[in-house]
Amino acid sequence: MCGFKGCGKTYFGSKLGLPFLDTDHLIEQKEGRPIREIVQLKSLNFFRKAEERLLASLEVENHIIATGGGTVLSPVSVTHLKALGKLIFLNAPKSLIQKRLLSPPLPTFLDPNDPIGSFEKMWSTRITEYERICDFRLDLEGKSDEQVLEELWRVINLERSFASPHGENLMEKQSEL
């Protein structure tokens, strides 16, 4: 899953009941510190390279992977992701993402001297990339968590690589147990 920071990739991905990985969390574990510190102490470029190395090293099947919001800025990372499976873009409303990102502490990729201007620049750059690389787009506006999860399951079940062998909805099966 790809999308802006704060759109719900980790939240929804972890609720699907399938093996789940969050690339930001994996990098934090490997580096032993939060991403904010990694970027502040080492650099954004260091973080992006770590992300590329992580994605290149993943050999997983039938997993949900939540990517960092800026992963789409690296053609190398996008190539690795495409090799792993289909990309689902979680498209949250701009106003929601702006509200979440402009709340303290500001993400390191926003300019503290011009948070709104840097948000607008980031939005226009990334939205184009998410649209360009995604295989599926899931619009989140006006949808409950349950509706989003149902739509994610529809997409997952379209892709046999993620679905159970007979295309069963594993979420329904779990609720029956």
N, C-alpha and C. Protein backbone atom coordinates (compact mmCIF):
# COMPACT_ATOMS: atom_id res chain seq x y z
N MET A 1 0.84 -1.18 0.00
CA MET A 1 0.00 0.00 0.00
C MET A 1 0.88 1.23 0.00
N CYS A 2 0.47 2.20 -0.78
CA CYS A 2 1.19 3.46 -0.83
C CYS A 2 0.19 4.59 -0.59
N GLY A 3 0.72 5.74 -0.23
CA GLY A 3 -0.10 6.91 0.02
C GLY A 3 0.62 7.84 0.97
N PHE A 4 0.01 8.98 1.22
CA PHE A 4 0.62 9.99 2.08
C PHE A 4 0.76 9.50 3.51
N LYS A 5 1.74 10.04 4.20
CA LYS A 5 1.88 9.82 5.64
C LYS A 5 0.55 10.21 6.27
N GLY A 6 0.04 9.34 7.11
CA GLY A 6 -1.21 9.65 7.80
C GLY A 6 -2.47 9.21 7.09
N CYS A 7 -2.36 8.54 5.95
CA CYS A 7 -3.57 8.13 5.22
C CYS A 7 -4.15 6.82 5.74
N GLY A 8 -3.40 6.07 6.53
CA GLY A 8 -3.95 4.83 7.10
C GLY A 8 -3.35 3.55 6.57
N LYS A 9 -2.20 3.61 5.92
CA LYS A 9 -1.59 2.39 5.36
C LYS A 9 -1.32 1.36 6.45
N THR A 10 -0.69 1.79 7.53
CA THR A 10 -0.38 0.87 8.62
C THR A 10 -1.65 0.44 9.35
N TYR A 11 -2.52 1.38 9.60
CA TYR A 11 -3.76 1.09 10.30
C TYR A 11 -4.57 0.03 9.56
N PHE A 12 -4.86 0.28 8.29
CA PHE A 12 -5.69 -0.67 7.53
C PHE A 12 -4.93 -1.95 7.20
N GLY A 13 -3.67 -1.82 6.85
CA GLY A 13 -2.88 -3.00 6.50
C GLY A 13 -2.80 -4.00 7.63
N SER A 14 -2.67 -3.50 8.85
CA SER A 14 -2.55 -4.39 10.01
C SER A 14 -3.88 -5.03 10.40
N LYS A 15 -4.99 -4.52 9.90
CA LYS A 15 -6.31 -5.05 10.24
C LYS A 15 -6.81 -6.12 9.27
N LEU A 16 -6.06 -6.40 8.23
CA LEU A 16 -6.55 -7.33 7.20
C LEU A 16 -6.36 -8.81 7.57
N GLY A 17 -5.57 -9.08 8.58
CA GLY A 17 -5.38 -10.47 8.99
C GLY A 17 -4.44 -11.25 8.11
N LEU A 18 -3.71 -10.59 7.25
CA LEU A 18 -2.69 -11.22 6.41
C LEU A 18 -1.32 -10.84 6.95
N PRO A 19 -0.29 -11.59 6.58
CA PRO A 19 1.06 -11.17 7.01
C PRO A 19 1.29 -9.72 6.59
N PHE A 20 1.83 -8.92 7.52
CA PHE A 20 1.92 -7.48 7.32
C PHE A 20 3.31 -6.97 7.66
N LEU A 21 3.81 -6.08 6.80
CA LEU A 21 5.10 -5.41 7.04
C LEU A 21 4.91 -3.92 6.84
N ASP A 22 5.57 -3.14 7.68
CA ASP A 22 5.59 -1.69 7.54
C ASP A 22 7.05 -1.31 7.33
N THR A 23 7.36 -0.76 6.16
CA THR A 23 8.77 -0.49 5.83
C THR A 23 9.38 0.53 6.79
N ASP A 24 8.63 1.53 7.20
CA ASP A 24 9.16 2.51 8.15
C ASP A 24 9.54 1.84 9.47
N HIS A 25 8.69 0.96 9.97
CA HIS A 25 8.98 0.27 11.22
C HIS A 25 10.20 -0.64 11.08
N LEU A 26 10.32 -1.31 9.94
CA LEU A 26 11.47 -2.18 9.73
C LEU A 26 12.78 -1.39 9.71
N ILE A 27 12.75 -0.22 9.10
CA ILE A 27 13.95 0.63 9.07
C ILE A 27 14.27 1.14 10.47
N GLU A 28 13.25 1.52 11.21
CA GLU A 28 13.47 1.98 12.58
C GLU A 28 14.09 0.88 13.43
N GLN A 29 13.61 -0.35 13.26
CA GLN A 29 14.17 -1.48 14.01
C GLN A 29 15.64 -1.69 13.66
N LYS A 30 15.93 -1.66 12.37
CA LYS A 30 17.31 -1.90 11.92
C LYS A 30 18.25 -0.80 12.40
N GLU A 31 17.80 0.43 12.34
CA GLU A 31 18.65 1.57 12.72
C GLU A 31 18.63 1.84 14.23
N GLY A 32 17.63 1.29 14.95
CA GLY A 32 17.56 1.47 16.39
C GLY A 32 17.10 2.85 16.83
N ARG A 33 16.40 3.54 15.95
CA ARG A 33 15.88 4.88 16.30
C ARG A 33 14.74 5.23 15.37
N PRO A 34 13.91 6.20 15.79
CA PRO A 34 12.79 6.64 14.96
C PRO A 34 13.27 7.32 13.67
N ILE A 35 12.44 7.30 12.66
CA ILE A 35 12.78 7.89 11.37
C ILE A 35 13.16 9.35 11.51
N ARG A 36 12.45 10.07 12.34
CA ARG A 36 12.77 11.49 12.57
C ARG A 36 14.24 11.65 12.96
N GLU A 37 14.72 10.81 13.87
CA GLU A 37 16.12 10.89 14.29
C GLU A 37 17.07 10.44 13.19
N ILE A 38 16.69 9.41 12.46
CA ILE A 38 17.53 8.93 11.36
C ILE A 38 17.77 10.07 10.37
N VAL A 39 16.68 10.75 10.00
CA VAL A 39 16.80 11.85 9.03
C VAL A 39 17.59 13.01 9.62
N GLN A 40 17.34 13.34 10.87
CA GLN A 40 18.04 14.46 11.50
C GLN A 40 19.52 14.18 11.69
N LEU A 41 19.85 12.95 12.10
CA LEU A 41 21.25 12.62 12.39
C LEU A 41 22.05 12.21 11.15
N LYS A 42 21.38 11.56 10.21
CA LYS A 42 22.12 11.03 9.05
C LYS A 42 21.77 11.77 7.76
N SER A 43 20.52 11.90 7.41
CA SER A 43 20.02 12.67 6.26
C SER A 43 18.83 11.95 5.65
N LEU A 44 18.05 12.72 4.91
CA LEU A 44 16.92 12.14 4.19
C LEU A 44 17.42 11.18 3.12
N ASN A 45 18.51 11.52 2.48
CA ASN A 45 19.09 10.65 1.46
C ASN A 45 19.50 9.30 2.06
N PHE A 46 20.09 9.31 3.26
CA PHE A 46 20.46 8.07 3.94
C PHE A 46 19.20 7.21 4.15
N PHE A 47 18.13 7.85 4.63
CA PHE A 47 16.88 7.13 4.86
C PHE A 47 16.35 6.52 3.57
N ARG A 48 16.33 7.29 2.47
CA ARG A 48 15.82 6.79 1.19
C ARG A 48 16.64 5.60 0.71
N LYS A 49 17.96 5.66 0.88
CA LYS A 49 18.84 4.54 0.48
C LYS A 49 18.56 3.32 1.35
N ALA A 50 18.33 3.53 2.65
CA ALA A 50 17.99 2.42 3.54
C ALA A 50 16.68 1.77 3.12
N GLU A 51 15.74 2.61 2.70
CA GLU A 51 14.44 2.13 2.22
C GLU A 51 14.63 1.29 0.94
N GLU A 52 15.45 1.77 0.03
CA GLU A 52 15.73 1.02 -1.21
C GLU A 52 16.36 -0.33 -0.89
N ARG A 53 17.34 -0.34 0.02
CA ARG A 53 18.00 -1.60 0.39
C ARG A 53 17.01 -2.57 1.03
N LEU A 54 16.16 -2.04 1.90
CA LEU A 54 15.17 -2.88 2.56
C LEU A 54 14.25 -3.52 1.53
N LEU A 55 13.71 -2.72 0.62
CA LEU A 55 12.78 -3.25 -0.38
C LEU A 55 13.47 -4.26 -1.29
N ALA A 56 14.73 -4.03 -1.62
CA ALA A 56 15.47 -4.98 -2.46
C ALA A 56 15.68 -6.30 -1.75
N SER A 57 15.73 -6.26 -0.42
CA SER A 57 16.01 -7.48 0.34
C SER A 57 14.75 -8.30 0.65
N LEU A 58 13.58 -7.71 0.47
CA LEU A 58 12.35 -8.42 0.81
C LEU A 58 12.07 -9.54 -0.19
N GLU A 59 11.88 -10.72 0.34
CA GLU A 59 11.47 -11.87 -0.47
C GLU A 59 10.25 -12.46 0.21
N VAL A 60 9.11 -11.83 -0.03
CA VAL A 60 7.88 -12.25 0.62
C VAL A 60 6.79 -12.46 -0.42
N GLU A 61 5.85 -13.31 -0.07
CA GLU A 61 4.66 -13.53 -0.89
C GLU A 61 3.44 -13.40 0.01
N ASN A 62 2.35 -12.97 -0.59
CA ASN A 62 1.08 -12.90 0.13
C ASN A 62 1.16 -12.02 1.37
N HIS A 63 1.90 -10.95 1.30
CA HIS A 63 2.04 -9.99 2.39
C HIS A 63 1.41 -8.65 2.00
N ILE A 64 0.94 -7.97 3.00
CA ILE A 64 0.55 -6.57 2.84
C ILE A 64 1.76 -5.76 3.31
N ILE A 65 2.20 -4.83 2.49
CA ILE A 65 3.34 -4.00 2.84
C ILE A 65 2.89 -2.54 2.83
N ALA A 66 3.05 -1.88 3.98
CA ALA A 66 2.78 -0.45 4.06
C ALA A 66 4.10 0.27 3.82
N THR A 67 4.12 1.14 2.83
CA THR A 67 5.35 1.86 2.50
C THR A 67 5.34 3.24 3.14
N GLY A 68 6.52 3.83 3.21
CA GLY A 68 6.62 5.21 3.66
C GLY A 68 5.98 6.11 2.61
N GLY A 69 5.52 7.27 3.03
CA GLY A 69 4.85 8.19 2.12
C GLY A 69 5.71 8.64 0.95
N GLY A 70 7.02 8.75 1.16
CA GLY A 70 7.91 9.22 0.11
C GLY A 70 8.55 8.13 -0.71
N THR A 71 8.19 6.89 -0.47
CA THR A 71 8.78 5.78 -1.21
C THR A 71 8.64 5.97 -2.71
N VAL A 72 7.54 6.58 -3.13
CA VAL A 72 7.27 6.76 -4.57
C VAL A 72 8.26 7.70 -5.24
N LEU A 73 9.05 8.42 -4.46
CA LEU A 73 10.01 9.36 -5.02
C LEU A 73 11.27 8.66 -5.53
N SER A 74 11.41 7.39 -5.20
CA SER A 74 12.57 6.62 -5.63
C SER A 74 12.18 5.61 -6.70
N PRO A 75 12.64 5.81 -7.94
CA PRO A 75 12.33 4.82 -8.98
C PRO A 75 12.84 3.42 -8.62
N VAL A 76 13.95 3.35 -7.90
CA VAL A 76 14.50 2.05 -7.48
C VAL A 76 13.51 1.36 -6.54
N SER A 77 13.00 2.11 -5.56
CA SER A 77 12.03 1.53 -4.62
C SER A 77 10.75 1.10 -5.33
N VAL A 78 10.28 1.91 -6.25
CA VAL A 78 9.06 1.57 -6.99
C VAL A 78 9.28 0.29 -7.80
N THR A 79 10.42 0.15 -8.42
CA THR A 79 10.73 -1.07 -9.18
C THR A 79 10.68 -2.29 -8.27
N HIS A 80 11.27 -2.19 -7.08
CA HIS A 80 11.25 -3.31 -6.13
C HIS A 80 9.82 -3.63 -5.70
N LEU A 81 9.04 -2.60 -5.42
CA LEU A 81 7.65 -2.82 -5.01
C LEU A 81 6.84 -3.49 -6.11
N LYS A 82 7.01 -3.03 -7.34
CA LYS A 82 6.27 -3.62 -8.46
C LYS A 82 6.63 -5.10 -8.63
N ALA A 83 7.87 -5.44 -8.33
CA ALA A 83 8.29 -6.84 -8.44
C ALA A 83 7.64 -7.70 -7.35
N LEU A 84 7.27 -7.08 -6.24
CA LEU A 84 6.65 -7.82 -5.14
C LEU A 84 5.15 -8.02 -5.31
N GLY A 85 4.50 -7.15 -6.08
CA GLY A 85 3.06 -7.31 -6.24
C GLY A 85 2.40 -6.05 -6.73
N LYS A 86 1.12 -5.97 -6.51
CA LYS A 86 0.31 -4.83 -6.96
C LYS A 86 0.34 -3.72 -5.92
N LEU A 87 0.30 -2.48 -6.41
CA LEU A 87 0.32 -1.32 -5.53
C LEU A 87 -1.08 -0.74 -5.39
N ILE A 88 -1.50 -0.59 -4.15
CA ILE A 88 -2.80 -0.01 -3.84
C ILE A 88 -2.55 1.37 -3.25
N PHE A 89 -3.09 2.39 -3.89
CA PHE A 89 -2.95 3.76 -3.43
C PHE A 89 -4.14 4.10 -2.54
N LEU A 90 -3.88 4.38 -1.26
CA LEU A 90 -4.93 4.83 -0.35
C LEU A 90 -5.01 6.35 -0.47
N ASN A 91 -6.03 6.80 -1.14
CA ASN A 91 -6.19 8.22 -1.45
C ASN A 91 -7.08 8.91 -0.43
N ALA A 92 -6.43 9.55 0.54
CA ALA A 92 -7.16 10.28 1.57
C ALA A 92 -7.36 11.73 1.12
N PRO A 93 -8.38 12.39 1.62
CA PRO A 93 -8.62 13.79 1.25
C PRO A 93 -7.43 14.68 1.64
N LYS A 94 -7.14 15.63 0.77
CA LYS A 94 -6.03 16.55 0.99
C LYS A 94 -6.17 17.27 2.33
N SER A 95 -7.38 17.71 2.65
CA SER A 95 -7.60 18.47 3.89
C SER A 95 -7.25 17.62 5.13
N LEU A 96 -7.55 16.32 5.08
CA LEU A 96 -7.24 15.44 6.21
C LEU A 96 -5.72 15.26 6.34
N ILE A 97 -5.05 15.02 5.24
CA ILE A 97 -3.60 14.83 5.27
C ILE A 97 -2.93 16.12 5.73
N GLN A 98 -3.38 17.25 5.23
CA GLN A 98 -2.80 18.53 5.63
C GLN A 98 -2.96 18.75 7.14
N LYS A 99 -4.14 18.47 7.65
CA LYS A 99 -4.39 18.64 9.09
C LYS A 99 -3.46 17.75 9.90
N ARG A 100 -3.32 16.50 9.48
CA ARG A 100 -2.47 15.55 10.22
C ARG A 100 -0.99 15.94 10.14
N LEU A 101 -0.53 16.34 8.96
CA LEU A 101 0.89 16.64 8.79
C LEU A 101 1.30 17.97 9.41
N LEU A 102 0.39 18.92 9.45
CA LEU A 102 0.74 20.23 10.00
C LEU A 102 0.57 20.29 11.52
N SER A 103 0.17 19.19 12.13
CA SER A 103 0.11 19.12 13.59
C SER A 103 1.50 18.80 14.13
N PRO A 104 1.87 19.45 15.25
CA PRO A 104 3.21 19.20 15.81
C PRO A 104 3.39 17.74 16.24
N PRO A 105 4.56 17.17 16.12
CA PRO A 105 5.74 17.77 15.49
C PRO A 105 5.64 17.64 13.97
N LEU A 106 6.11 18.64 13.27
CA LEU A 106 6.10 18.60 11.80
C LEU A 106 6.99 17.49 11.31
N PRO A 107 6.58 16.77 10.26
CA PRO A 107 7.47 15.78 9.66
C PRO A 107 8.74 16.47 9.15
N THR A 108 9.83 15.75 9.14
CA THR A 108 11.12 16.32 8.74
C THR A 108 11.13 16.77 7.29
N PHE A 109 10.22 16.27 6.46
CA PHE A 109 10.22 16.65 5.04
C PHE A 109 9.47 17.96 4.79
N LEU A 110 8.86 18.53 5.83
CA LEU A 110 8.20 19.83 5.68
C LEU A 110 9.12 20.93 6.22
N ASP A 111 9.14 22.05 5.54
CA ASP A 111 9.95 23.20 5.93
C ASP A 111 9.27 23.90 7.11
N PRO A 112 9.93 23.97 8.29
CA PRO A 112 9.31 24.61 9.44
C PRO A 112 9.07 26.11 9.22
N ASN A 113 9.81 26.72 8.29
CA ASN A 113 9.62 28.15 8.00
C ASN A 113 8.47 28.40 7.03
N ASP A 114 8.04 27.37 6.31
CA ASP A 114 6.92 27.49 5.36
C ASP A 114 6.19 26.15 5.29
N PRO A 115 5.57 25.72 6.40
CA PRO A 115 4.94 24.40 6.41
C PRO A 115 3.84 24.25 5.37
N ILE A 116 3.01 25.28 5.19
CA ILE A 116 1.91 25.17 4.23
C ILE A 116 2.45 25.12 2.80
N GLY A 117 3.39 25.99 2.47
CA GLY A 117 3.99 25.98 1.13
C GLY A 117 4.70 24.67 0.84
N SER A 118 5.44 24.16 1.82
CA SER A 118 6.15 22.89 1.58
C SER A 118 5.17 21.73 1.50
N PHE A 119 4.05 21.81 2.27
CA PHE A 119 3.02 20.78 2.14
C PHE A 119 2.44 20.79 0.73
N GLU A 120 2.10 21.97 0.22
CA GLU A 120 1.51 22.08 -1.12
C GLU A 120 2.46 21.51 -2.18
N LYS A 121 3.73 21.80 -2.07
CA LYS A 121 4.72 21.28 -3.02
C LYS A 121 4.80 19.75 -2.92
N MET A 122 4.87 19.25 -1.69
CA MET A 122 4.93 17.80 -1.48
C MET A 122 3.67 17.13 -2.04
N TRP A 123 2.51 17.73 -1.76
CA TRP A 123 1.25 17.15 -2.23
C TRP A 123 1.26 17.04 -3.76
N SER A 124 1.58 18.13 -4.44
CA SER A 124 1.50 18.13 -5.91
C SER A 124 2.50 17.15 -6.53
N THR A 125 3.66 17.00 -5.92
CA THR A 125 4.65 16.05 -6.43
C THR A 125 4.21 14.61 -6.21
N ARG A 126 3.83 14.32 -4.99
CA ARG A 126 3.54 12.93 -4.64
C ARG A 126 2.22 12.43 -5.21
N ILE A 127 1.19 13.26 -5.24
CA ILE A 127 -0.11 12.78 -5.74
C ILE A 127 0.03 12.29 -7.18
N THR A 128 0.84 12.99 -7.95
CA THR A 128 1.09 12.59 -9.34
C THR A 128 1.78 11.23 -9.40
N GLU A 129 2.74 11.03 -8.51
CA GLU A 129 3.47 9.75 -8.49
C GLU A 129 2.59 8.61 -8.01
N TYR A 130 1.80 8.83 -6.96
CA TYR A 130 0.90 7.77 -6.50
C TYR A 130 -0.03 7.34 -7.62
N GLU A 131 -0.60 8.31 -8.31
CA GLU A 131 -1.52 8.01 -9.42
C GLU A 131 -0.81 7.25 -10.53
N ARG A 132 0.42 7.65 -10.82
CA ARG A 132 1.17 7.05 -11.93
C ARG A 132 1.55 5.60 -11.66
N ILE A 133 1.95 5.29 -10.43
CA ILE A 133 2.49 3.96 -10.16
C ILE A 133 1.47 2.95 -9.67
N CYS A 134 0.31 3.41 -9.18
CA CYS A 134 -0.61 2.47 -8.54
C CYS A 134 -1.30 1.56 -9.56
N ASP A 135 -1.60 0.37 -9.07
CA ASP A 135 -2.41 -0.57 -9.84
C ASP A 135 -3.88 -0.42 -9.49
N PHE A 136 -4.13 -0.01 -8.25
CA PHE A 136 -5.49 0.20 -7.75
C PHE A 136 -5.49 1.47 -6.91
N ARG A 137 -6.56 2.22 -7.01
CA ARG A 137 -6.72 3.43 -6.19
C ARG A 137 -7.96 3.26 -5.35
N LEU A 138 -7.81 3.48 -4.07
CA LEU A 138 -8.93 3.36 -3.14
C LEU A 138 -9.15 4.73 -2.50
N ASP A 139 -10.26 5.39 -2.87
CA ASP A 139 -10.61 6.70 -2.32
C ASP A 139 -11.22 6.50 -0.95
N LEU A 140 -10.67 7.19 0.05
CA LEU A 140 -11.09 7.00 1.43
C LEU A 140 -12.16 7.99 1.90
N GLU A 141 -12.34 9.07 1.16
CA GLU A 141 -13.24 10.13 1.61
C GLU A 141 -14.66 9.62 1.82
N GLY A 142 -15.20 9.93 3.01
CA GLY A 142 -16.58 9.59 3.32
C GLY A 142 -16.82 8.12 3.61
N LYS A 143 -15.76 7.32 3.76
CA LYS A 143 -15.93 5.88 3.99
C LYS A 143 -15.58 5.54 5.43
N SER A 144 -16.35 4.63 5.99
CA SER A 144 -16.04 4.13 7.33
C SER A 144 -14.86 3.17 7.23
N ASP A 145 -14.27 2.86 8.36
CA ASP A 145 -13.18 1.89 8.37
C ASP A 145 -13.64 0.55 7.78
N GLU A 146 -14.84 0.14 8.12
CA GLU A 146 -15.37 -1.13 7.62
C GLU A 146 -15.50 -1.11 6.10
N GLN A 147 -15.96 0.01 5.55
CA GLN A 147 -16.08 0.13 4.09
C GLN A 147 -14.71 0.08 3.42
N VAL A 148 -13.73 0.73 4.01
CA VAL A 148 -12.37 0.71 3.45
C VAL A 148 -11.84 -0.72 3.47
N LEU A 149 -12.01 -1.41 4.60
CA LEU A 149 -11.52 -2.78 4.69
C LEU A 149 -12.23 -3.70 3.69
N GLU A 150 -13.53 -3.51 3.51
CA GLU A 150 -14.27 -4.30 2.52
C GLU A 150 -13.73 -4.05 1.12
N GLU A 151 -13.46 -2.79 0.78
CA GLU A 151 -12.91 -2.49 -0.54
C GLU A 151 -11.50 -3.05 -0.71
N LEU A 152 -10.72 -2.99 0.34
CA LEU A 152 -9.38 -3.59 0.27
C LEU A 152 -9.48 -5.09 0.00
N TRP A 153 -10.42 -5.75 0.67
CA TRP A 153 -10.60 -7.19 0.44
C TRP A 153 -11.04 -7.47 -1.00
N ARG A 154 -11.89 -6.61 -1.55
CA ARG A 154 -12.28 -6.82 -2.95
C ARG A 154 -11.07 -6.75 -3.86
N VAL A 155 -10.21 -5.77 -3.64
CA VAL A 155 -9.00 -5.63 -4.45
C VAL A 155 -8.08 -6.83 -4.24
N ILE A 156 -7.89 -7.20 -2.99
CA ILE A 156 -7.00 -8.33 -2.69
C ILE A 156 -7.52 -9.61 -3.33
N ASN A 157 -8.81 -9.83 -3.27
CA ASN A 157 -9.37 -11.05 -3.85
C ASN A 157 -9.37 -11.04 -5.37
N LEU A 158 -9.22 -9.87 -5.99
CA LEU A 158 -9.04 -9.82 -7.44
C LEU A 158 -7.67 -10.35 -7.83
N GLU A 159 -6.73 -10.20 -6.93
CA GLU A 159 -5.36 -10.61 -7.17
C GLU A 159 -5.14 -11.97 -6.50
N ARG A 160 -5.08 -13.01 -7.30
CA ARG A 160 -4.94 -14.35 -6.75
C ARG A 160 -3.71 -14.51 -5.87
N SER A 161 -2.67 -13.71 -6.11
CA SER A 161 -1.47 -13.83 -5.30
C SER A 161 -1.74 -13.46 -3.84
N PHE A 162 -2.76 -12.67 -3.57
CA PHE A 162 -3.07 -12.29 -2.20
C PHE A 162 -4.21 -13.11 -1.63
N ALA A 163 -5.05 -13.65 -2.48
CA ALA A 163 -6.25 -14.32 -2.01
C ALA A 163 -5.95 -15.76 -1.63
N SER A 164 -6.86 -16.33 -0.89
CA SER A 164 -6.74 -17.76 -0.58
C SER A 164 -6.89 -18.53 -1.88
N PRO A 165 -6.49 -19.80 -1.91
CA PRO A 165 -6.48 -20.55 -3.16
C PRO A 165 -7.80 -20.57 -3.92
N HIS A 166 -8.91 -20.46 -3.23
CA HIS A 166 -10.20 -20.52 -3.91
C HIS A 166 -10.89 -19.16 -3.98
N GLY A 167 -10.12 -18.10 -3.73
CA GLY A 167 -10.68 -16.76 -3.80
C GLY A 167 -11.62 -16.43 -2.66
N GLU A 168 -11.52 -17.19 -1.56
CA GLU A 168 -12.39 -16.93 -0.43
C GLU A 168 -11.97 -15.64 0.25
N ASN A 169 -12.92 -15.00 0.86
CA ASN A 169 -12.63 -13.80 1.62
C ASN A 169 -12.21 -14.25 3.02
N LEU A 170 -10.90 -14.13 3.30
CA LEU A 170 -10.39 -14.61 4.58
C LEU A 170 -10.96 -13.81 5.76
N MET A 171 -11.34 -12.56 5.53
CA MET A 171 -11.90 -11.75 6.59
C MET A 171 -13.24 -12.33 7.04
N GLU A 172 -14.05 -12.76 6.09
CA GLU A 172 -15.34 -13.37 6.41
C GLU A 172 -15.11 -14.70 7.16
N LYS A 173 -14.13 -15.46 6.68
CA LYS A 173 -13.82 -16.74 7.32
C LYS A 173 -13.43 -16.53 8.77
N GLN A 174 -12.59 -15.49 9.04
CA GLN A 174 -12.16 -15.23 10.40
C GLN A 174 -13.34 -14.87 11.28
N SER A 175 -14.30 -14.12 10.76
CA SER A 175 -15.44 -13.71 11.58
C SER A 175 -16.37 -14.89 11.88
N GLU A 176 -16.28 -15.94 11.06
CA GLU A 176 -17.09 -17.12 11.28
C GLU A 176 -16.51 -18.00 12.41
N LEU A 177 -15.21 -17.84 12.65
CA LEU A 177 -14.54 -18.70 13.64
C LEU A 177 -14.87 -18.32 15.07
